[in-house]
Amino acid sequence: MKNNNKTIITIITIITILTISSCSKDDPKQPLPTNPQEVLTTILIKGYNQNDSLNTNYQFNYKWEDLDGDGGNLPVIDTLNLDSGIIYTCEITILDKTKTPFDTVSNAIEEEKNAHQFFFTPSANLTAKIKAEILDFDTNIPSLPVGLSFNLNTKSNQSFTTPILGSLNMVLSHYDGVPKTIEKSNECDIDINFPLKLK
């Protein structure tokens, strides 16, 4: 019994030493405070013609939704139907529908915008035909893009034949414990390919 007590005391002592060492305030390698990952079930993209916001021909509400998470049913993904020669102003709303009432996760992303950034990348066959321009920025100095608001600029149909079928990749980088930069982080909360049809 004495040997067991000695073993337990030794283990507790080692754990205590390791804990104190790892939490030292003087440790230059200590990471920045982290932000918890959010639960994301639904992504809504609302858009309209920047130059004619009331024209219903160029208004849209597209959705990605995965209510049962990884390993369940495939997500529901709308196809982004866009006309060439239009600048669409878009806003993203993100919901967690596992909660009642629904939690608007995009509000939390706005609050933690210094640790989040969207990246929009068209497929290779759309690279020269669609350009995303982020409109909102964080409070870093200098400020860095966020992406809850953005423009999708579809080039005028002058040198290519429509319709063109492709995709728009949307990544939400989460800078968890590392400084935010203009590059994608190693961690992402969202990585989705929206089907896209350019008309």
Protein backbone atom coordinates (compact mmCIF):
# COMPACT_ATOMS: atom_id res chain seq x y z
CA MET A 1 0.00 0.00 0.00
CA LYS A 2 2.88 2.34 0.79
CA ASN A 3 4.35 1.76 -2.67
CA ASN A 4 1.01 2.67 -4.27
CA ASN A 5 0.85 5.90 -2.23
CA LYS A 6 4.39 6.82 -3.29
CA THR A 7 3.51 6.18 -6.95
CA ILE A 8 0.40 8.37 -6.73
CA ILE A 9 2.33 11.19 -5.02
CA THR A 10 5.05 10.97 -7.69
CA ILE A 11 2.49 11.17 -10.54
CA ILE A 12 0.72 14.15 -8.94
CA THR A 13 4.06 15.93 -8.49
CA ILE A 14 5.01 15.41 -12.15
CA ILE A 15 1.62 16.64 -13.38
CA THR A 16 1.87 19.73 -11.16
CA ILE A 17 5.34 20.57 -12.46
CA LEU A 18 4.25 20.12 -16.08
CA THR A 19 1.15 22.27 -15.54
CA ILE A 20 3.11 25.12 -13.96
CA SER A 21 5.73 24.96 -16.71
CA SER A 22 3.20 25.00 -19.56
CA CYS A 23 1.25 27.96 -18.14
CA SER A 24 4.25 30.19 -17.47
CA LYS A 25 3.50 33.80 -18.43
CA ASP A 26 7.12 34.22 -19.49
CA ASP A 27 6.89 31.49 -22.14
CA PRO A 28 7.23 33.30 -25.50
CA LYS A 29 5.71 30.31 -27.33
CA GLN A 30 2.43 30.49 -25.43
CA PRO A 31 -0.39 30.79 -28.05
CA LEU A 32 -2.85 33.62 -28.25
CA PRO A 33 -6.29 33.13 -26.63
CA THR A 34 -8.45 30.85 -28.75
CA ASN A 35 -12.02 31.24 -29.99
CA PRO A 36 -14.35 28.23 -29.80
CA GLN A 37 -15.61 26.82 -33.10
CA GLU A 38 -19.24 27.49 -33.90
CA VAL A 39 -21.86 24.98 -35.00
CA LEU A 40 -22.91 25.82 -38.56
CA THR A 41 -25.96 24.15 -40.12
CA THR A 42 -27.22 26.76 -42.58
CA ILE A 43 -25.59 29.36 -44.80
CA LEU A 44 -27.75 31.93 -46.58
CA ILE A 45 -26.44 34.22 -49.33
CA LYS A 46 -28.67 37.15 -50.21
CA GLY A 47 -27.81 39.25 -53.25
CA TYR A 48 -29.03 42.06 -55.48
CA ASN A 49 -27.85 44.20 -58.38
CA GLN A 50 -25.57 46.87 -56.93
CA ASN A 51 -26.81 49.40 -59.50
CA ASP A 52 -30.50 48.51 -59.25
CA SER A 53 -31.27 46.97 -55.86
CA LEU A 54 -35.05 46.94 -56.44
CA ASN A 55 -34.91 44.98 -59.70
CA THR A 56 -36.28 41.56 -58.72
CA ASN A 57 -34.74 39.98 -61.83
CA TYR A 58 -31.34 40.22 -60.13
CA GLN A 59 -32.30 39.48 -56.54
CA PHE A 60 -31.57 36.07 -55.04
CA ASN A 61 -31.56 34.04 -51.84
CA TYR A 62 -29.37 30.94 -52.03
CA LYS A 63 -28.82 28.34 -49.33
CA TRP A 64 -26.44 25.63 -48.18
CA GLU A 65 -27.83 23.48 -45.38
CA ASP A 66 -26.68 20.39 -43.50
CA LEU A 67 -28.97 19.84 -40.53
CA ASP A 68 -27.60 16.45 -39.44
CA GLY A 69 -23.90 17.26 -39.69
CA ASP A 70 -20.99 15.12 -40.91
CA GLY A 71 -21.78 11.53 -41.70
CA GLY A 72 -25.50 12.06 -42.15
CA ASN A 73 -27.48 13.02 -45.23
CA LEU A 74 -25.80 15.04 -47.95
CA PRO A 75 -26.21 18.82 -47.55
CA VAL A 76 -28.75 20.73 -49.62
CA ILE A 77 -26.89 23.18 -51.88
CA ASP A 78 -28.51 25.73 -54.19
CA THR A 79 -26.91 26.58 -57.52
CA LEU A 80 -25.85 30.23 -57.81
CA ASN A 81 -27.52 31.48 -60.99
CA LEU A 82 -25.81 34.72 -62.02
CA ASP A 83 -26.14 36.97 -65.05
CA SER A 84 -23.00 38.26 -66.75
CA GLY A 85 -22.30 41.98 -66.67
CA ILE A 86 -23.81 42.49 -63.19
CA ILE A 87 -22.20 43.49 -59.89
CA TYR A 88 -24.09 41.61 -57.18
CA THR A 89 -23.86 42.93 -53.64
CA CYS A 90 -24.14 39.95 -51.29
CA GLU A 91 -24.60 39.34 -47.58
CA ILE A 92 -24.02 36.11 -45.68
CA THR A 93 -26.16 34.91 -42.78
CA ILE A 94 -25.09 31.78 -40.92
CA LEU A 95 -27.44 29.87 -38.62
CA ASP A 96 -27.20 27.09 -36.07
CA LYS A 97 -30.54 25.33 -36.36
CA THR A 98 -29.67 22.76 -33.69
CA LYS A 99 -30.81 25.38 -31.17
CA THR A 100 -34.30 26.67 -30.44
CA PRO A 101 -34.70 29.45 -31.38
CA PHE A 102 -32.11 29.38 -34.16
CA ASP A 103 -28.75 30.92 -33.26
CA THR A 104 -27.43 33.49 -35.75
CA VAL A 105 -23.78 32.42 -35.83
CA SER A 106 -22.85 35.20 -38.26
CA ASN A 107 -23.41 37.66 -35.39
CA ALA A 108 -20.73 35.85 -33.39
CA ILE A 109 -18.43 35.88 -36.43
CA GLU A 110 -18.97 39.64 -36.69
CA GLU A 111 -18.09 40.01 -33.01
CA GLU A 112 -14.98 37.86 -33.52
CA LYS A 113 -14.11 39.30 -36.93
CA ASN A 114 -10.47 39.78 -35.96
CA ALA A 115 -10.21 35.96 -35.94
CA HIS A 116 -12.27 35.16 -39.06
CA GLN A 117 -12.02 35.76 -42.81
CA PHE A 118 -13.92 34.48 -45.85
CA PHE A 119 -12.16 33.52 -49.07
CA PHE A 120 -14.09 33.20 -52.35
CA THR A 121 -12.47 31.30 -55.22
CA PRO A 122 -14.22 30.61 -58.55
CA SER A 123 -13.47 27.42 -60.45
CA ALA A 124 -10.76 27.60 -63.13
CA ASN A 125 -13.24 28.09 -65.97
CA LEU A 126 -14.72 31.13 -64.18
CA THR A 127 -11.54 32.75 -62.86
CA ALA A 128 -11.47 35.55 -65.44
CA LYS A 129 -15.23 35.95 -65.49
CA ILE A 130 -16.17 36.40 -61.83
CA LYS A 131 -14.39 38.42 -59.17
CA ALA A 132 -15.24 38.61 -55.47
CA GLU A 133 -14.56 41.85 -53.59
CA ILE A 134 -14.95 41.88 -49.79
CA LEU A 135 -16.69 44.97 -48.41
CA ASP A 136 -16.33 44.64 -44.61
CA PHE A 137 -13.16 44.79 -42.52
CA ASP A 138 -12.01 44.05 -38.99
CA THR A 139 -10.39 46.34 -36.40
CA ASN A 140 -6.82 45.15 -36.83
CA ILE A 141 -4.20 47.78 -37.71
CA PRO A 142 -4.04 47.72 -40.65
CA SER A 143 -7.57 46.38 -41.07
CA LEU A 144 -8.07 43.02 -42.77
CA PRO A 145 -11.05 41.66 -44.77
CA VAL A 146 -13.91 39.74 -43.13
CA GLY A 147 -16.33 38.80 -45.94
CA LEU A 148 -19.83 38.73 -44.45
CA SER A 149 -20.52 41.41 -47.07
CA PHE A 150 -19.02 41.17 -50.55
CA ASN A 151 -19.53 41.97 -54.21
CA LEU A 152 -19.61 39.37 -56.97
CA ASN A 153 -18.62 41.11 -60.18
CA THR A 154 -19.57 39.06 -63.25
CA LYS A 155 -17.74 40.26 -66.35
CA SER A 156 -19.70 41.37 -69.42
CA ASN A 157 -20.39 38.58 -71.89
CA GLN A 158 -18.24 39.83 -74.76
CA SER A 159 -15.64 37.15 -75.41
CA PHE A 160 -17.15 33.93 -74.09
CA THR A 161 -20.21 31.77 -74.64
CA THR A 162 -22.80 31.32 -71.91
CA PRO A 163 -24.08 29.51 -70.01
CA ILE A 164 -20.97 28.40 -68.17
CA LEU A 165 -21.22 25.82 -65.39
CA GLY A 166 -18.64 26.01 -62.63
CA SER A 167 -18.43 26.58 -58.90
CA LEU A 168 -17.57 29.13 -56.24
CA ASN A 169 -15.51 27.84 -53.34
CA MET A 170 -16.23 29.58 -50.04
CA VAL A 171 -13.85 29.10 -47.12
CA LEU A 172 -14.22 30.68 -43.69
CA SER A 173 -10.78 30.69 -42.08
CA HIS A 174 -10.64 30.63 -38.29
CA TYR A 175 -7.41 32.05 -36.86
CA ASP A 176 -7.50 30.07 -33.63
CA GLY A 177 -4.58 31.11 -31.45
CA VAL A 178 -2.57 32.58 -34.33
CA PRO A 179 -2.48 36.13 -35.74
CA LYS A 180 -4.86 36.81 -38.62
CA THR A 181 -3.27 37.45 -42.03
CA ILE A 182 -4.45 37.85 -45.62
CA GLU A 183 -3.71 34.15 -46.20
CA LYS A 184 -5.99 31.24 -45.37
CA SER A 185 -5.39 29.72 -41.95
CA ASN A 186 -4.77 26.04 -41.27
CA GLU A 187 -8.19 25.84 -39.62
CA CYS A 188 -11.49 26.55 -41.32
CA ASP A 189 -15.09 26.59 -40.11
CA ILE A 190 -16.53 26.40 -43.66
CA ASP A 191 -15.22 24.92 -46.91
CA ILE A 192 -18.03 24.67 -49.47
CA ASN A 193 -18.23 24.52 -53.25
CA PHE A 194 -21.40 26.23 -54.44
CA PRO A 195 -22.42 25.12 -57.95
CA LEU A 196 -22.54 28.22 -60.15
CA LYS A 197 -24.20 28.92 -63.49
CA LEU A 198 -23.12 32.08 -65.31
CA LYS A 199 -25.76 33.12 -67.86
